[in-house]
Amino acid sequence: MLNEGAFTSRGASEVVGAFYVRMLDQDSKEERQMKPALILAALLIIAADYAMAELAEGFNEALVATERSEENSDRDAARKPREVLEFVGIKAGMTVLDVAAGAGWYTEVLSAAVGNEGHVISHNSFGYGPRNAATVAAIAQRNGNITMLFAAYGRFRLDAEVDAAITGLNLHDFQNRSAEEAQVFLGGIYQALKPGGVLGLTDHEGSPGLDNATLHRIRLSTAIVALEDAGFIVEATSDLLNNPDDDHTLIYSDESLGRNTDRILIRARKPGQPVLAASNFSAQPARQLSLPNLPATDGGQIGAIQCGVTESPK
């Protein structure tokens, strides 16, 4: 991953920083002497909160289950599901929205991560979703905690806000068409999240001076600005998905990259106090979208819940 300059992680540091500024307003000697200990205590509280972010029991076993497709399993090495989801802060019991889920790689690993007490909403647009409907439905058939959702970007119309959202390799398409379109995309996610809810975002990294639109890439700095413009607090970035063999000059789909581009990874948060409760999501379909050959299932809500009326390209 190419360095675009120093970037200071925010979020936790903002909490401690604000706490420290308030303490600086105090004048007594005793309070000044207490400052280092109080700052350490605040840091330990924040660290403890992240330490509690545990994936559901059986996550590792789910990744190696024979029922998973060979294609999805092969992607695990480059996409590092456990490391990425732990970085984002996904926990057992969460309700998570997988935005522009495509064929459902993240949908499947999120299902294992949140466990039986959690829920995954696997979203695709009207234009892109039907081509992957049978694939995602097969994943949902094996897991009792997935709802398939077809909705226009920015118009999810969920009946409850979600704890977290993930979008993998999507923002570049919107941002490269226009900043306004990117704000519709990100704004819909922002509205779907609870106050304090977290967004994990990955994308193919681009570089200054290159035609990132043609290459289907995005610069880290561009993604950060877009997230902040949408109201998110960008807490941290990670080099977990760094691939030094990718110099950003090839289109993401070039065969020489082996579906393993150099990727940005960002954790961003909707301001507010996070509240984690057992999943109580239940989709209320506006109408059913007719799709052929969707398998029946005893678990999950299979079958294309349509929550908007405007078709949107992926």
Protein backbone atom coordinates (compact mmCIF):
# COMPACT_ATOMS: atom_id res chain seq x y z
CA MET A 1 0.00 0.00 0.00
CA LEU A 2 1.53 3.29 -1.07
CA ASN A 3 1.93 5.91 1.64
CA GLU A 4 -0.12 9.06 1.06
CA GLY A 5 1.28 10.89 4.05
CA ALA A 6 0.75 10.70 7.76
CA PHE A 7 -2.80 10.00 8.83
CA THR A 8 -3.76 10.22 12.47
CA SER A 9 -6.23 7.60 13.63
CA ARG A 10 -9.30 9.20 15.17
CA GLY A 11 -12.23 8.02 17.23
CA ALA A 12 -10.61 6.55 20.34
CA SER A 13 -7.93 9.22 20.23
CA GLU A 14 -10.63 11.88 19.94
CA VAL A 15 -12.29 10.59 23.10
CA VAL A 16 -9.04 10.69 25.05
CA GLY A 17 -8.09 14.03 23.52
CA ALA A 18 -11.39 15.65 24.47
CA PHE A 19 -11.07 14.17 27.96
CA TYR A 20 -7.57 15.62 28.25
CA VAL A 21 -8.68 19.08 27.07
CA ARG A 22 -11.40 19.14 29.69
CA MET A 23 -8.85 18.27 32.35
CA LEU A 24 -6.58 21.08 31.22
CA ASP A 25 -9.32 23.49 32.26
CA GLN A 26 -8.87 22.43 35.84
CA ASP A 27 -6.54 24.52 37.98
CA SER A 28 -5.84 22.63 41.18
CA LYS A 29 -2.47 21.00 41.74
CA GLU A 30 -4.14 17.79 42.85
CA GLU A 31 -6.11 17.55 39.60
CA ARG A 32 -3.03 18.23 37.49
CA GLN A 33 -1.21 15.43 39.32
CA MET A 34 -4.10 13.07 38.54
CA LYS A 35 -4.05 13.72 34.79
CA PRO A 36 -1.63 10.95 33.71
CA ALA A 37 -3.53 8.32 35.69
CA LEU A 38 -6.89 9.48 34.37
CA ILE A 39 -5.67 9.47 30.77
CA LEU A 40 -4.32 5.93 31.24
CA ALA A 41 -7.65 4.85 32.70
CA ALA A 42 -9.51 6.26 29.70
CA LEU A 43 -7.19 4.46 27.31
CA LEU A 44 -7.64 1.18 29.18
CA ILE A 45 -11.45 1.54 28.97
CA ILE A 46 -11.28 2.04 25.22
CA ALA A 47 -8.85 -0.86 24.81
CA ALA A 48 -11.12 -3.10 26.88
CA ASP A 49 -14.07 -2.25 24.67
CA TYR A 50 -12.16 -3.39 21.57
CA ALA A 51 -10.88 -6.48 23.37
CA MET A 52 -14.51 -7.52 23.90
CA ALA A 53 -15.06 -7.64 20.14
CA GLU A 54 -15.23 -11.40 19.78
CA LEU A 55 -16.49 -13.29 16.77
CA ALA A 56 -19.02 -16.04 17.35
CA GLU A 57 -17.92 -19.45 18.49
CA GLY A 58 -17.29 -21.75 15.56
CA PHE A 59 -16.11 -19.02 13.19
CA ASN A 60 -12.92 -20.84 12.21
CA GLU A 61 -14.78 -24.08 11.63
CA ALA A 62 -17.30 -22.31 9.41
CA LEU A 63 -14.51 -21.04 7.16
CA VAL A 64 -13.29 -24.55 6.42
CA ALA A 65 -16.73 -26.13 6.09
CA THR A 66 -17.03 -28.34 3.04
CA GLU A 67 -20.30 -26.63 2.12
CA ARG A 68 -18.48 -23.43 1.19
CA SER A 69 -17.72 -22.97 -2.49
CA GLU A 70 -14.15 -23.49 -3.59
CA GLU A 71 -14.12 -20.00 -5.07
CA ASN A 72 -15.06 -18.35 -1.78
CA SER A 73 -12.63 -20.46 0.21
CA ASP A 74 -9.80 -19.61 -2.16
CA ARG A 75 -10.34 -15.90 -1.54
CA ASP A 76 -9.81 -16.20 2.21
CA ALA A 77 -6.01 -16.08 2.01
CA ALA A 78 -6.00 -12.64 0.39
CA ARG A 79 -9.07 -11.23 2.14
CA LYS A 80 -8.14 -12.36 5.69
CA PRO A 81 -11.67 -12.62 7.09
CA ARG A 82 -10.87 -12.98 10.80
CA GLU A 83 -8.28 -10.21 10.87
CA VAL A 84 -10.46 -7.79 8.89
CA LEU A 85 -13.64 -8.40 10.89
CA GLU A 86 -11.77 -8.07 14.18
CA PHE A 87 -10.22 -4.81 12.96
CA VAL A 88 -13.67 -3.48 12.03
CA GLY A 89 -15.05 -4.55 15.42
CA ILE A 90 -17.65 -7.12 14.36
CA LYS A 91 -19.01 -9.03 17.35
CA ALA A 92 -21.21 -12.04 17.92
CA GLY A 93 -24.85 -11.00 18.16
CA MET A 94 -24.62 -7.96 15.88
CA THR A 95 -26.93 -7.13 13.00
CA VAL A 96 -24.69 -6.29 10.03
CA LEU A 97 -25.58 -4.85 6.63
CA ASP A 98 -23.44 -6.16 3.75
CA VAL A 99 -23.79 -3.35 1.18
CA ALA A 100 -23.46 -4.26 -2.50
CA ALA A 101 -22.72 -7.82 -1.45
CA GLY A 102 -22.25 -9.21 -4.96
CA ALA A 103 -21.92 -12.98 -4.80
CA GLY A 104 -21.87 -12.93 -1.02
CA TRP A 105 -18.31 -13.62 0.13
CA TYR A 106 -18.66 -11.15 3.00
CA THR A 107 -22.25 -12.25 3.62
CA GLU A 108 -21.03 -15.77 4.31
CA VAL A 109 -18.15 -14.87 6.63
CA LEU A 110 -20.31 -12.30 8.46
CA SER A 111 -22.96 -14.95 9.03
CA ALA A 112 -20.36 -17.06 10.82
CA ALA A 113 -18.98 -14.03 12.68
CA VAL A 114 -22.26 -12.84 14.23
CA GLY A 115 -23.52 -16.34 14.98
CA ASN A 116 -27.01 -17.57 15.75
CA GLU A 117 -27.85 -14.53 17.88
CA GLY A 118 -26.87 -12.12 15.12
CA HIS A 119 -28.19 -11.30 11.67
CA VAL A 120 -26.78 -10.42 8.25
CA ILE A 121 -28.67 -8.35 5.68
CA SER A 122 -27.17 -9.14 2.28
CA HIS A 123 -27.92 -6.18 0.03
CA ASN A 124 -27.66 -5.82 -3.73
CA SER A 125 -29.12 -3.29 -6.14
CA PHE A 126 -31.93 -4.18 -8.51
CA GLY A 127 -29.60 -4.08 -11.51
CA TYR A 128 -26.75 -6.13 -10.05
CA GLY A 129 -28.47 -8.37 -7.53
CA PRO A 130 -30.47 -10.80 -9.68
CA ARG A 131 -27.39 -12.20 -11.39
CA ASN A 132 -26.07 -13.30 -7.98
CA ALA A 133 -29.41 -14.14 -6.37
CA ALA A 134 -29.13 -17.92 -6.64
CA THR A 135 -25.55 -17.87 -5.29
CA VAL A 136 -26.42 -15.74 -2.28
CA ALA A 137 -29.62 -17.71 -1.70
CA ALA A 138 -27.59 -20.92 -1.52
CA ILE A 139 -25.40 -19.34 1.16
CA ALA A 140 -28.49 -18.18 3.05
CA GLN A 141 -30.02 -21.65 2.77
CA ARG A 142 -27.12 -23.06 4.79
CA ASN A 143 -27.33 -20.33 7.43
CA GLY A 144 -30.37 -19.31 9.42
CA ASN A 145 -29.35 -15.70 10.00
CA ILE A 146 -29.30 -14.08 6.53
CA THR A 147 -31.87 -11.87 4.82
CA MET A 148 -31.49 -11.03 1.14
CA LEU A 149 -32.35 -7.43 0.34
CA PHE A 150 -32.73 -5.74 -3.04
CA ALA A 151 -32.87 -1.97 -2.68
CA ALA A 152 -31.66 1.17 -4.40
CA TYR A 153 -28.47 2.66 -3.00
CA GLY A 154 -29.30 5.20 -0.35
CA ARG A 155 -32.81 3.78 0.09
CA PHE A 156 -32.53 0.66 2.24
CA ARG A 157 -35.70 1.45 4.25
CA LEU A 158 -34.91 -1.04 7.00
CA ASP A 159 -37.30 -1.40 9.89
CA ALA A 160 -34.46 -1.04 12.40
CA GLU A 161 -30.99 0.48 12.44
CA VAL A 162 -28.06 -1.93 12.26
CA ASP A 163 -24.99 -2.31 14.48
CA ALA A 164 -22.48 -2.42 11.66
CA ALA A 165 -22.04 -2.36 7.90
CA ILE A 166 -19.47 -3.72 5.49
CA THR A 167 -18.89 -2.74 1.87
CA GLY A 168 -16.16 -4.45 -0.09
CA LEU A 169 -14.58 -3.03 -3.26
CA ASN A 170 -17.49 -0.73 -4.13
CA LEU A 171 -16.86 2.91 -3.22
CA HIS A 172 -14.54 3.51 -6.18
CA ASP A 173 -17.36 2.97 -8.68
CA PHE A 174 -19.49 5.70 -7.12
CA GLN A 175 -16.71 8.16 -6.33
CA ASN A 176 -15.19 7.86 -9.81
CA ARG A 177 -18.54 8.69 -11.40
CA SER A 178 -19.10 11.69 -9.13
CA ALA A 179 -18.61 12.83 -5.55
CA GLU A 180 -22.38 13.36 -5.34
CA GLU A 181 -23.08 9.73 -6.22
CA ALA A 182 -20.59 8.61 -3.59
CA GLN A 183 -22.45 10.67 -1.00
CA VAL A 184 -25.73 8.98 -1.89
CA PHE A 185 -24.03 5.60 -1.49
CA LEU A 186 -22.36 6.44 1.84
CA GLY A 187 -25.31 8.46 3.09
CA GLY A 188 -27.57 5.46 2.81
CA ILE A 189 -25.16 3.42 4.94
CA TYR A 190 -24.91 6.25 7.48
CA GLN A 191 -28.68 6.38 7.83
CA ALA A 192 -28.92 2.60 8.23
CA LEU A 193 -26.46 2.52 11.14
CA LYS A 194 -27.30 3.04 14.78
CA PRO A 195 -25.58 5.97 16.49
CA GLY A 196 -22.12 4.60 17.26
CA GLY A 197 -22.46 1.99 14.51
CA VAL A 198 -19.33 1.01 12.62
CA LEU A 199 -18.57 0.75 8.89
CA GLY A 200 -15.79 -1.40 7.48
CA LEU A 201 -14.72 -0.42 3.96
CA THR A 202 -12.25 -2.08 1.60
CA ASP A 203 -11.34 -1.05 -1.92
CA HIS A 204 -8.73 -1.34 -4.64
CA GLU A 205 -6.10 1.30 -3.87
CA GLY A 206 -5.12 3.88 -6.46
CA SER A 207 -2.26 6.36 -6.71
CA PRO A 208 -1.88 10.04 -7.57
CA GLY A 209 -1.35 10.76 -11.25
CA LEU A 210 -2.98 7.55 -12.50
CA ASP A 211 -6.34 7.13 -14.21
CA ASN A 212 -7.98 5.53 -11.20
CA ALA A 213 -11.44 5.69 -12.74
CA THR A 214 -10.40 3.49 -15.68
CA LEU A 215 -8.42 1.21 -13.36
CA HIS A 216 -11.39 0.89 -10.96
CA ARG A 217 -9.36 2.15 -8.01
CA ILE A 218 -9.53 4.89 -5.39
CA ARG A 219 -6.92 6.75 -3.38
CA LEU A 220 -6.95 6.30 0.39
CA SER A 221 -7.15 10.05 0.93
CA THR A 222 -10.13 10.32 -1.42
CA ALA A 223 -12.01 7.60 0.46
CA ILE A 224 -11.33 9.26 3.81
CA VAL A 225 -12.62 12.63 2.59
CA ALA A 226 -15.75 10.99 1.16
CA LEU A 227 -16.47 9.24 4.45
CA GLU A 228 -15.98 12.40 6.48
CA ASP A 229 -18.20 14.37 4.08
CA ALA A 230 -20.92 11.78 4.72
CA GLY A 231 -20.67 12.41 8.47
CA PHE A 232 -18.49 9.46 9.54
CA ILE A 233 -15.60 9.65 11.96
CA VAL A 234 -12.67 7.79 10.39
CA GLU A 235 -11.15 5.91 13.30
CA ALA A 236 -8.37 3.92 11.70
CA THR A 237 -6.85 2.51 8.54
CA SER A 238 -4.98 -0.76 8.21
CA ASP A 239 -2.41 -2.37 5.93
CA LEU A 240 -3.87 -5.85 6.51
CA LEU A 241 -4.80 -6.08 2.83
CA ASN A 242 -1.54 -4.62 1.56
CA ASN A 243 -0.08 -6.27 -1.55
CA PRO A 244 3.34 -4.80 -2.41
CA ASP A 245 3.35 -6.67 -5.74
CA ASP A 246 0.52 -4.44 -6.99
CA ASP A 247 1.91 -1.04 -8.08
CA HIS A 248 -1.57 0.34 -8.88
CA THR A 249 -0.92 0.66 -12.62
CA LEU A 250 -3.12 -2.28 -13.68
CA ILE A 251 -6.88 -2.57 -13.74
CA TYR A 252 -8.13 -4.52 -10.73
CA SER A 253 -9.22 -7.44 -12.91
CA ASP A 254 -5.86 -7.97 -14.62
CA GLU A 255 -5.10 -11.69 -14.50
CA SER A 256 -1.54 -11.10 -13.30
CA LEU A 257 -2.93 -9.77 -10.00
CA GLY A 258 -4.73 -13.02 -9.28
CA ARG A 259 -7.73 -11.18 -7.74
CA ASN A 260 -5.37 -9.85 -5.08
CA THR A 261 -5.03 -6.10 -5.49
CA ASP A 262 -3.42 -3.77 -2.99
CA ARG A 263 -6.39 -2.68 -0.90
CA ILE A 264 -7.32 0.03 1.52
CA LEU A 265 -9.08 -0.95 4.73
CA ILE A 266 -10.89 1.68 6.78
CA ARG A 267 -12.88 1.60 10.00
CA ALA A 268 -15.33 4.51 10.28
CA ARG A 269 -18.06 5.23 12.80
CA LYS A 270 -21.36 7.07 12.92
CA PRO A 271 -21.10 9.49 15.87
CA GLY A 272 -22.98 8.50 18.99
CA GLN A 273 -22.94 5.88 21.71
CA PRO A 274 -22.90 2.29 20.39
CA VAL A 275 -25.46 -0.07 21.87
CA LEU A 276 -25.16 -3.81 21.20
CA ALA A 277 -28.25 -5.90 21.69
CA ALA A 278 -29.43 -9.25 20.43
CA SER A 279 -30.56 -9.07 16.83
CA ASN A 280 -34.25 -8.22 16.40
CA PHE A 281 -34.22 -7.53 12.68
CA SER A 282 -37.25 -8.54 10.70
CA ALA A 283 -37.63 -7.38 7.15
CA GLN A 284 -40.92 -5.93 6.03
CA PRO A 285 -41.07 -6.44 2.27
CA ALA A 286 -42.71 -3.81 0.14
CA ARG A 287 -43.24 -6.44 -2.53
CA GLN A 288 -41.51 -9.59 -3.67
CA LEU A 289 -39.16 -9.49 -6.64
CA SER A 290 -39.69 -12.46 -8.91
CA LEU A 291 -36.50 -14.46 -9.28
CA PRO A 292 -36.17 -17.95 -10.75
CA ASN A 293 -34.71 -20.98 -9.04
CA LEU A 294 -34.34 -19.58 -5.53
CA PRO A 295 -33.99 -22.55 -3.19
CA ALA A 296 -36.45 -22.99 -0.36
CA THR A 297 -35.07 -22.99 3.16
CA ASP A 298 -36.11 -23.47 6.75
CA GLY A 299 -33.69 -20.84 7.97
CA GLY A 300 -33.11 -17.21 7.14
CA GLN A 301 -35.33 -15.09 4.96
CA ILE A 302 -34.62 -16.12 1.40
CA GLY A 303 -35.93 -14.43 -1.58
CA ALA A 304 -35.33 -10.89 -2.49
CA ILE A 305 -36.97 -8.30 -0.33
CA GLN A 306 -37.39 -5.20 -2.43
CA CYS A 307 -37.34 -1.94 -0.49
CA GLY A 308 -37.26 0.72 -3.19
CA VAL A 309 -38.58 1.50 -6.60
CA THR A 310 -35.66 3.08 -8.43
CA GLU A 311 -33.17 0.82 -10.14
CA SER A 312 -29.56 1.80 -9.55
CA PRO A 313 -26.43 0.49 -11.32
CA LYS A 314 -23.85 -1.27 -9.23
